[in-house]
Amino acid sequence: MAKLKNYSTTVPAMVSVGQIQQILLSFGAKNIMLKADEKRKSVIGISFTYEVQGKTIPFKLPADIEKVQQYLYREYMSHTKRPRKTESDFYEEAERVTWRINKDWIHSYVSVLGTEQVPPLALLMGLMMLDSKTTLYQAVEQGKFPKLLPAFKG
């Protein structure tokens, strides 16, 4: 298995979050909002609006720190015979890795958009918010738009 991108980053999560905000601003995003975990005093989500075809559309970046934490713990367990860490010991590392991966990912997206290879909606549609909690991708995944996933008849 290939190594996870940025798996060894030491860049603090808040530095990566700040860089993501700068990238989004340079792309023309508006109303950038951070969702905080009050208990941990950390950022667990980023949403923003962007004008598409004259309409202001909300988008939400995926960031599942717990999934990255589970991945890092599984990797640790698969490479150690005498584990000394628990899954919870990997949270801060997962937070750094999650936001660093997202920084690189959104920078790639913005680069594609900046070169006009793909229109914004085509690239960001899955991240588009349908309501305050649900992205278009999540709605399709939940089966709310069954005709969007037709069976391939090739």
N, C-alpha and C. Protein backbone atom coordinates (compact mmCIF):
# COMPACT_ATOMS: atom_id res chain seq x y z
N MET A 1 0.84 -1.18 0.00
CA MET A 1 0.00 0.00 0.00
C MET A 1 0.89 1.25 0.00
N ALA A 2 0.51 2.22 -0.80
CA ALA A 2 1.25 3.48 -0.85
C ALA A 2 1.08 4.25 0.45
N LYS A 3 2.10 4.99 0.79
CA LYS A 3 2.03 5.82 1.99
C LYS A 3 0.98 6.91 1.81
N LEU A 4 0.30 7.21 2.87
CA LEU A 4 -0.69 8.28 2.89
C LEU A 4 0.02 9.61 2.68
N LYS A 5 -0.50 10.44 1.80
CA LYS A 5 0.10 11.76 1.55
C LYS A 5 0.12 12.54 2.85
N ASN A 6 1.22 13.18 3.12
CA ASN A 6 1.39 14.04 4.30
C ASN A 6 1.30 13.28 5.62
N TYR A 7 1.49 11.97 5.60
CA TYR A 7 1.33 11.18 6.82
C TYR A 7 2.30 11.59 7.92
N SER A 8 3.41 12.21 7.56
CA SER A 8 4.39 12.60 8.58
C SER A 8 4.47 14.10 8.79
N THR A 9 3.47 14.84 8.36
CA THR A 9 3.53 16.31 8.47
C THR A 9 3.63 16.76 9.92
N THR A 10 4.40 17.81 10.10
CA THR A 10 4.48 18.44 11.41
C THR A 10 3.84 19.83 11.37
N VAL A 11 3.27 20.18 10.22
CA VAL A 11 2.62 21.48 10.07
C VAL A 11 1.37 21.49 10.95
N PRO A 12 1.24 22.45 11.86
CA PRO A 12 0.05 22.51 12.71
C PRO A 12 -1.24 22.61 11.88
N ALA A 13 -2.28 21.98 12.36
CA ALA A 13 -3.56 21.97 11.64
C ALA A 13 -4.04 23.38 11.34
N MET A 14 -3.90 24.29 12.29
CA MET A 14 -4.39 25.66 12.07
C MET A 14 -3.62 26.40 10.98
N VAL A 15 -2.36 26.05 10.77
CA VAL A 15 -1.60 26.64 9.67
C VAL A 15 -2.20 26.18 8.35
N SER A 16 -2.47 24.88 8.24
CA SER A 16 -3.08 24.35 7.02
C SER A 16 -4.47 24.93 6.79
N VAL A 17 -5.25 25.07 7.85
CA VAL A 17 -6.59 25.68 7.74
C VAL A 17 -6.46 27.12 7.22
N GLY A 18 -5.50 27.87 7.73
CA GLY A 18 -5.28 29.23 7.26
C GLY A 18 -4.88 29.26 5.79
N GLN A 19 -4.06 28.31 5.38
CA GLN A 19 -3.65 28.24 3.98
C GLN A 19 -4.84 27.88 3.08
N ILE A 20 -5.71 27.00 3.55
CA ILE A 20 -6.92 26.66 2.80
C ILE A 20 -7.77 27.91 2.62
N GLN A 21 -7.92 28.69 3.67
CA GLN A 21 -8.70 29.93 3.56
C GLN A 21 -8.09 30.87 2.52
N GLN A 22 -6.78 30.99 2.52
CA GLN A 22 -6.10 31.85 1.54
C GLN A 22 -6.33 31.35 0.12
N ILE A 23 -6.23 30.04 -0.07
CA ILE A 23 -6.45 29.45 -1.40
C ILE A 23 -7.88 29.72 -1.85
N LEU A 24 -8.84 29.50 -0.95
CA LEU A 24 -10.24 29.74 -1.30
C LEU A 24 -10.48 31.21 -1.64
N LEU A 25 -9.87 32.11 -0.88
CA LEU A 25 -10.01 33.54 -1.17
C LEU A 25 -9.43 33.89 -2.55
N SER A 26 -8.28 33.30 -2.87
CA SER A 26 -7.66 33.60 -4.16
C SER A 26 -8.51 33.05 -5.31
N PHE A 27 -9.31 32.06 -5.04
CA PHE A 27 -10.20 31.44 -6.01
C PHE A 27 -11.50 32.25 -6.16
N GLY A 28 -11.76 33.16 -5.24
CA GLY A 28 -12.96 33.98 -5.32
C GLY A 28 -14.07 33.53 -4.39
N ALA A 29 -13.74 32.64 -3.46
CA ALA A 29 -14.75 32.18 -2.50
C ALA A 29 -15.15 33.34 -1.59
N LYS A 30 -16.37 33.27 -1.12
CA LYS A 30 -16.91 34.27 -0.19
C LYS A 30 -17.38 33.54 1.08
N ASN A 31 -17.60 34.28 2.12
CA ASN A 31 -18.22 33.74 3.34
C ASN A 31 -17.59 32.43 3.80
N ILE A 32 -16.30 32.42 3.98
CA ILE A 32 -15.62 31.22 4.47
C ILE A 32 -15.94 31.07 5.95
N MET A 33 -16.44 29.89 6.32
CA MET A 33 -16.83 29.64 7.71
C MET A 33 -16.11 28.40 8.23
N LEU A 34 -15.68 28.48 9.48
CA LEU A 34 -15.03 27.36 10.13
C LEU A 34 -15.98 26.76 11.15
N LYS A 35 -16.05 25.43 11.16
CA LYS A 35 -16.83 24.74 12.18
C LYS A 35 -15.85 24.25 13.24
N ALA A 36 -16.14 24.58 14.49
CA ALA A 36 -15.22 24.26 15.57
C ALA A 36 -15.73 23.13 16.44
N ASP A 37 -14.79 22.38 16.98
CA ASP A 37 -15.08 21.41 18.03
C ASP A 37 -14.77 22.16 19.32
N GLU A 38 -15.82 22.55 20.03
CA GLU A 38 -15.63 23.38 21.22
C GLU A 38 -14.80 22.68 22.29
N LYS A 39 -14.98 21.38 22.41
CA LYS A 39 -14.26 20.63 23.44
C LYS A 39 -12.75 20.60 23.16
N ARG A 40 -12.39 20.35 21.92
CA ARG A 40 -10.98 20.26 21.55
C ARG A 40 -10.37 21.61 21.17
N LYS A 41 -11.24 22.61 20.98
CA LYS A 41 -10.78 23.94 20.55
C LYS A 41 -10.04 23.82 19.21
N SER A 42 -10.66 23.11 18.27
CA SER A 42 -10.04 22.92 16.97
C SER A 42 -11.08 22.99 15.85
N VAL A 43 -10.59 23.15 14.64
CA VAL A 43 -11.46 23.24 13.46
C VAL A 43 -11.75 21.84 12.95
N ILE A 44 -13.05 21.57 12.72
CA ILE A 44 -13.44 20.25 12.20
C ILE A 44 -14.19 20.36 10.87
N GLY A 45 -14.33 21.58 10.35
CA GLY A 45 -15.01 21.74 9.08
C GLY A 45 -14.82 23.12 8.49
N ILE A 46 -14.86 23.18 7.16
CA ILE A 46 -14.78 24.45 6.44
C ILE A 46 -15.88 24.46 5.39
N SER A 47 -16.63 25.55 5.37
CA SER A 47 -17.61 25.74 4.30
C SER A 47 -17.39 27.13 3.72
N PHE A 48 -17.88 27.33 2.51
CA PHE A 48 -17.71 28.61 1.84
C PHE A 48 -18.79 28.77 0.78
N THR A 49 -18.95 29.99 0.30
CA THR A 49 -19.86 30.22 -0.82
C THR A 49 -19.03 30.66 -2.02
N TYR A 50 -19.58 30.40 -3.19
CA TYR A 50 -18.93 30.76 -4.44
C TYR A 50 -20.03 31.09 -5.44
N GLU A 51 -19.79 32.09 -6.25
CA GLU A 51 -20.80 32.47 -7.23
C GLU A 51 -20.66 31.59 -8.48
N VAL A 52 -21.77 30.93 -8.82
CA VAL A 52 -21.83 30.07 -9.99
C VAL A 52 -23.04 30.49 -10.81
N GLN A 53 -22.81 30.86 -12.05
CA GLN A 53 -23.88 31.29 -12.96
C GLN A 53 -24.77 32.36 -12.32
N GLY A 54 -24.12 33.31 -11.64
CA GLY A 54 -24.84 34.43 -11.04
C GLY A 54 -25.54 34.11 -9.73
N LYS A 55 -25.38 32.91 -9.21
CA LYS A 55 -26.00 32.53 -7.95
C LYS A 55 -24.93 32.23 -6.91
N THR A 56 -25.20 32.62 -5.67
CA THR A 56 -24.29 32.31 -4.57
C THR A 56 -24.63 30.91 -4.06
N ILE A 57 -23.66 30.01 -4.19
CA ILE A 57 -23.88 28.60 -3.84
C ILE A 57 -22.99 28.23 -2.65
N PRO A 58 -23.55 27.54 -1.63
CA PRO A 58 -22.72 27.09 -0.50
C PRO A 58 -22.08 25.73 -0.78
N PHE A 59 -20.84 25.57 -0.32
CA PHE A 59 -20.10 24.32 -0.47
C PHE A 59 -19.48 23.95 0.87
N LYS A 60 -19.21 22.68 1.07
CA LYS A 60 -18.58 22.21 2.30
C LYS A 60 -17.44 21.26 1.95
N LEU A 61 -16.25 21.54 2.47
CA LEU A 61 -15.11 20.66 2.24
C LEU A 61 -15.23 19.44 3.16
N PRO A 62 -14.92 18.28 2.63
CA PRO A 62 -14.96 17.09 3.49
C PRO A 62 -13.74 17.10 4.42
N ALA A 63 -13.96 16.77 5.66
CA ALA A 63 -12.86 16.65 6.62
C ALA A 63 -13.33 15.70 7.72
N ASP A 64 -12.88 14.48 7.66
CA ASP A 64 -13.28 13.49 8.66
C ASP A 64 -12.04 13.05 9.43
N ILE A 65 -11.72 13.83 10.44
CA ILE A 65 -10.50 13.59 11.22
C ILE A 65 -10.53 12.21 11.86
N GLU A 66 -11.70 11.77 12.30
CA GLU A 66 -11.80 10.46 12.94
C GLU A 66 -11.45 9.33 11.98
N LYS A 67 -11.84 9.45 10.71
CA LYS A 67 -11.50 8.41 9.71
C LYS A 67 -9.99 8.36 9.51
N VAL A 68 -9.35 9.52 9.46
CA VAL A 68 -7.90 9.56 9.31
C VAL A 68 -7.24 8.99 10.56
N GLN A 69 -7.79 9.30 11.71
CA GLN A 69 -7.28 8.75 12.97
C GLN A 69 -7.35 7.22 12.95
N GLN A 70 -8.47 6.68 12.51
CA GLN A 70 -8.62 5.22 12.42
C GLN A 70 -7.61 4.63 11.45
N TYR A 71 -7.40 5.29 10.32
CA TYR A 71 -6.42 4.83 9.33
C TYR A 71 -5.02 4.78 9.95
N LEU A 72 -4.63 5.88 10.59
CA LEU A 72 -3.30 5.94 11.20
C LEU A 72 -3.11 4.87 12.28
N TYR A 73 -4.16 4.65 13.05
CA TYR A 73 -4.08 3.62 14.10
C TYR A 73 -3.95 2.22 13.48
N ARG A 74 -4.73 1.95 12.44
CA ARG A 74 -4.64 0.64 11.76
C ARG A 74 -3.23 0.43 11.20
N GLU A 75 -2.68 1.48 10.60
CA GLU A 75 -1.32 1.38 10.06
C GLU A 75 -0.31 1.10 11.18
N TYR A 76 -0.47 1.80 12.28
CA TYR A 76 0.40 1.60 13.44
C TYR A 76 0.30 0.16 13.94
N MET A 77 -0.92 -0.32 14.08
CA MET A 77 -1.13 -1.68 14.59
C MET A 77 -0.59 -2.75 13.63
N SER A 78 -0.61 -2.47 12.35
CA SER A 78 -0.13 -3.45 11.38
C SER A 78 1.40 -3.50 11.32
N HIS A 79 2.05 -2.53 11.93
CA HIS A 79 3.51 -2.48 11.88
C HIS A 79 4.18 -2.58 13.25
N THR A 80 3.43 -2.95 14.25
CA THR A 80 4.04 -3.07 15.58
C THR A 80 3.61 -4.39 16.24
N LYS A 81 4.52 -4.96 16.96
CA LYS A 81 4.21 -6.21 17.67
C LYS A 81 3.79 -5.95 19.11
N ARG A 82 4.23 -4.84 19.65
CA ARG A 82 3.89 -4.47 21.03
C ARG A 82 3.33 -3.05 21.05
N PRO A 83 2.06 -2.93 20.77
CA PRO A 83 1.48 -1.58 20.72
C PRO A 83 1.55 -0.87 22.07
N ARG A 84 1.97 0.36 22.00
CA ARG A 84 2.06 1.19 23.21
C ARG A 84 1.12 2.39 23.13
N LYS A 85 0.46 2.53 21.99
CA LYS A 85 -0.45 3.65 21.79
C LYS A 85 -1.87 3.14 21.59
N THR A 86 -2.81 3.99 21.94
CA THR A 86 -4.22 3.69 21.68
C THR A 86 -4.67 4.54 20.50
N GLU A 87 -5.84 4.26 19.99
CA GLU A 87 -6.36 5.03 18.85
C GLU A 87 -6.45 6.52 19.19
N SER A 88 -6.84 6.83 20.42
CA SER A 88 -6.99 8.24 20.80
C SER A 88 -5.66 9.00 20.78
N ASP A 89 -4.54 8.28 20.89
CA ASP A 89 -3.23 8.93 20.82
C ASP A 89 -2.94 9.50 19.43
N PHE A 90 -3.73 9.13 18.45
CA PHE A 90 -3.48 9.55 17.07
C PHE A 90 -4.32 10.74 16.63
N TYR A 91 -5.12 11.32 17.53
CA TYR A 91 -6.02 12.39 17.10
C TYR A 91 -5.28 13.62 16.58
N GLU A 92 -4.32 14.13 17.32
CA GLU A 92 -3.63 15.35 16.89
C GLU A 92 -2.89 15.14 15.57
N GLU A 93 -2.27 13.97 15.42
CA GLU A 93 -1.61 13.65 14.16
C GLU A 93 -2.63 13.59 13.03
N ALA A 94 -3.77 12.95 13.29
CA ALA A 94 -4.83 12.85 12.28
C ALA A 94 -5.34 14.23 11.88
N GLU A 95 -5.45 15.10 12.85
CA GLU A 95 -5.90 16.47 12.58
C GLU A 95 -4.92 17.18 11.64
N ARG A 96 -3.62 17.06 11.92
CA ARG A 96 -2.61 17.68 11.06
C ARG A 96 -2.66 17.08 9.65
N VAL A 97 -2.72 15.77 9.56
CA VAL A 97 -2.72 15.08 8.26
C VAL A 97 -3.98 15.43 7.47
N THR A 98 -5.13 15.41 8.12
CA THR A 98 -6.40 15.72 7.46
C THR A 98 -6.35 17.09 6.79
N TRP A 99 -5.96 18.10 7.54
CA TRP A 99 -5.97 19.46 7.00
C TRP A 99 -4.87 19.66 5.98
N ARG A 100 -3.74 18.97 6.12
CA ARG A 100 -2.67 19.10 5.12
C ARG A 100 -3.10 18.46 3.80
N ILE A 101 -3.72 17.29 3.87
CA ILE A 101 -4.23 16.65 2.65
C ILE A 101 -5.27 17.55 1.99
N ASN A 102 -6.18 18.10 2.79
CA ASN A 102 -7.21 18.98 2.24
C ASN A 102 -6.62 20.24 1.63
N LYS A 103 -5.55 20.76 2.22
CA LYS A 103 -4.90 21.94 1.65
C LYS A 103 -4.37 21.61 0.27
N ASP A 104 -3.68 20.49 0.13
CA ASP A 104 -3.14 20.10 -1.18
C ASP A 104 -4.26 19.81 -2.18
N TRP A 105 -5.30 19.16 -1.71
CA TRP A 105 -6.44 18.79 -2.56
C TRP A 105 -7.15 20.03 -3.09
N ILE A 106 -7.47 20.97 -2.21
CA ILE A 106 -8.19 22.17 -2.65
C ILE A 106 -7.29 23.03 -3.54
N HIS A 107 -5.98 23.02 -3.27
CA HIS A 107 -5.06 23.76 -4.14
C HIS A 107 -5.06 23.16 -5.55
N SER A 108 -5.11 21.85 -5.65
CA SER A 108 -5.19 21.18 -6.96
C SER A 108 -6.49 21.56 -7.66
N TYR A 109 -7.60 21.53 -6.93
CA TYR A 109 -8.89 21.89 -7.52
C TYR A 109 -8.86 23.32 -8.06
N VAL A 110 -8.35 24.24 -7.26
CA VAL A 110 -8.31 25.63 -7.66
C VAL A 110 -7.40 25.81 -8.88
N SER A 111 -6.34 25.04 -8.94
CA SER A 111 -5.45 25.11 -10.10
C SER A 111 -6.17 24.66 -11.37
N VAL A 112 -6.95 23.59 -11.27
CA VAL A 112 -7.74 23.12 -12.41
C VAL A 112 -8.75 24.18 -12.82
N LEU A 113 -9.41 24.77 -11.83
CA LEU A 113 -10.40 25.82 -12.13
C LEU A 113 -9.74 27.06 -12.71
N GLY A 114 -8.59 27.43 -12.18
CA GLY A 114 -7.89 28.62 -12.65
C GLY A 114 -7.45 28.51 -14.09
N THR A 115 -7.15 27.31 -14.53
CA THR A 115 -6.75 27.09 -15.92
C THR A 115 -7.95 26.83 -16.82
N GLU A 116 -9.14 26.89 -16.24
CA GLU A 116 -10.41 26.73 -16.95
C GLU A 116 -10.53 25.39 -17.68
N GLN A 117 -9.90 24.35 -17.12
CA GLN A 117 -10.02 23.02 -17.69
C GLN A 117 -11.41 22.44 -17.44
N VAL A 118 -11.98 22.83 -16.31
CA VAL A 118 -13.29 22.32 -15.89
C VAL A 118 -14.06 23.48 -15.28
N PRO A 119 -15.36 23.61 -15.59
CA PRO A 119 -16.14 24.68 -14.95
C PRO A 119 -16.33 24.39 -13.45
N PRO A 120 -16.47 25.45 -12.63
CA PRO A 120 -16.57 25.28 -11.18
C PRO A 120 -17.63 24.28 -10.73
N LEU A 121 -18.81 24.35 -11.29
CA LEU A 121 -19.88 23.46 -10.83
C LEU A 121 -19.56 22.00 -11.12
N ALA A 122 -18.92 21.72 -12.26
CA ALA A 122 -18.57 20.34 -12.59
C ALA A 122 -17.60 19.76 -11.57
N LEU A 123 -16.69 20.58 -11.10
CA LEU A 123 -15.68 20.11 -10.16
C LEU A 123 -16.17 20.08 -8.71
N LEU A 124 -17.02 21.04 -8.35
CA LEU A 124 -17.44 21.19 -6.96
C LEU A 124 -18.84 20.68 -6.65
N MET A 125 -19.54 20.15 -7.63
CA MET A 125 -20.95 19.80 -7.44
C MET A 125 -21.20 18.87 -6.25
N GLY A 126 -20.35 17.89 -6.07
CA GLY A 126 -20.55 16.97 -4.95
C GLY A 126 -20.43 17.64 -3.59
N LEU A 127 -19.75 18.78 -3.52
CA LEU A 127 -19.56 19.51 -2.26
C LEU A 127 -20.64 20.56 -2.03
N MET A 128 -21.54 20.73 -3.02
CA MET A 128 -22.59 21.74 -2.92
C MET A 128 -23.58 21.38 -1.82
N MET A 129 -23.89 22.36 -0.98
CA MET A 129 -24.82 22.14 0.13
C MET A 129 -26.26 22.28 -0.35
N LEU A 130 -27.08 21.28 -0.03
CA LEU A 130 -28.51 21.34 -0.35
C LEU A 130 -29.30 21.95 0.79
N ASP A 131 -28.80 21.77 2.00
CA ASP A 131 -29.37 22.39 3.19
C ASP A 131 -28.22 22.58 4.17
N SER A 132 -28.49 22.90 5.40
CA SER A 132 -27.41 23.23 6.34
C SER A 132 -26.53 22.04 6.73
N LYS A 133 -26.94 20.82 6.39
CA LYS A 133 -26.16 19.65 6.79
C LYS A 133 -25.81 18.69 5.67
N THR A 134 -26.46 18.81 4.51
CA THR A 134 -26.34 17.78 3.48
C THR A 134 -25.75 18.32 2.19
N THR A 135 -24.68 17.64 1.71
CA THR A 135 -24.13 17.97 0.41
C THR A 135 -24.88 17.18 -0.65
N LEU A 136 -24.75 17.60 -1.91
CA LEU A 136 -25.38 16.87 -3.00
C LEU A 136 -24.87 15.43 -3.03
N TYR A 137 -23.58 15.25 -2.83
CA TYR A 137 -23.02 13.90 -2.80
C TYR A 137 -23.72 13.04 -1.74
N GLN A 138 -23.87 13.58 -0.53
CA GLN A 138 -24.51 12.82 0.55
C GLN A 138 -25.95 12.46 0.19
N ALA A 139 -26.66 13.39 -0.43
CA ALA A 139 -28.05 13.12 -0.83
C ALA A 139 -28.11 12.01 -1.87
N VAL A 140 -27.21 12.04 -2.84
CA VAL A 140 -27.18 10.98 -3.86
C VAL A 140 -26.83 9.65 -3.21
N GLU A 141 -25.85 9.66 -2.32
CA GLU A 141 -25.43 8.45 -1.62
C GLU A 141 -26.58 7.85 -0.79
N GLN A 142 -27.42 8.72 -0.22
CA GLN A 142 -28.56 8.27 0.59
C GLN A 142 -29.74 7.84 -0.27
N GLY A 143 -29.60 7.92 -1.59
CA GLY A 143 -30.65 7.46 -2.49
C GLY A 143 -31.75 8.47 -2.75
N LYS A 144 -31.51 9.73 -2.44
CA LYS A 144 -32.55 10.75 -2.62
C LYS A 144 -32.72 11.15 -4.08
N PHE A 145 -31.74 10.84 -4.92
CA PHE A 145 -31.82 11.15 -6.35
C PHE A 145 -31.43 9.91 -7.15
N PRO A 146 -32.25 8.87 -7.15
CA PRO A 146 -31.85 7.61 -7.78
C PRO A 146 -31.55 7.71 -9.27
N LYS A 147 -32.17 8.64 -9.96
CA LYS A 147 -31.93 8.76 -11.40
C LYS A 147 -30.58 9.36 -11.72
N LEU A 148 -29.89 9.93 -10.73
CA LEU A 148 -28.56 10.46 -10.98
C LEU A 148 -27.52 9.36 -11.08
N LEU A 149 -27.85 8.16 -10.64
CA LEU A 149 -26.92 7.03 -10.73
C LEU A 149 -27.53 5.93 -11.60
N PRO A 150 -27.63 6.16 -12.89
CA PRO A 150 -28.24 5.14 -13.75
C PRO A 150 -27.31 3.93 -13.88
N ALA A 151 -27.88 2.79 -14.15
CA ALA A 151 -27.10 1.59 -14.38
C ALA A 151 -26.38 1.72 -15.71
N PHE A 152 -25.12 1.33 -15.75
CA PHE A 152 -24.34 1.41 -16.99
C PHE A 152 -24.77 0.30 -17.93
N LYS A 153 -25.04 0.67 -19.16
CA LYS A 153 -25.49 -0.32 -20.15
C LYS A 153 -24.53 -0.28 -21.34
N GLY A 154 -23.26 -0.52 -21.08
CA GLY A 154 -22.24 -0.39 -22.10
C GLY A 154 -21.96 -1.64 -22.77
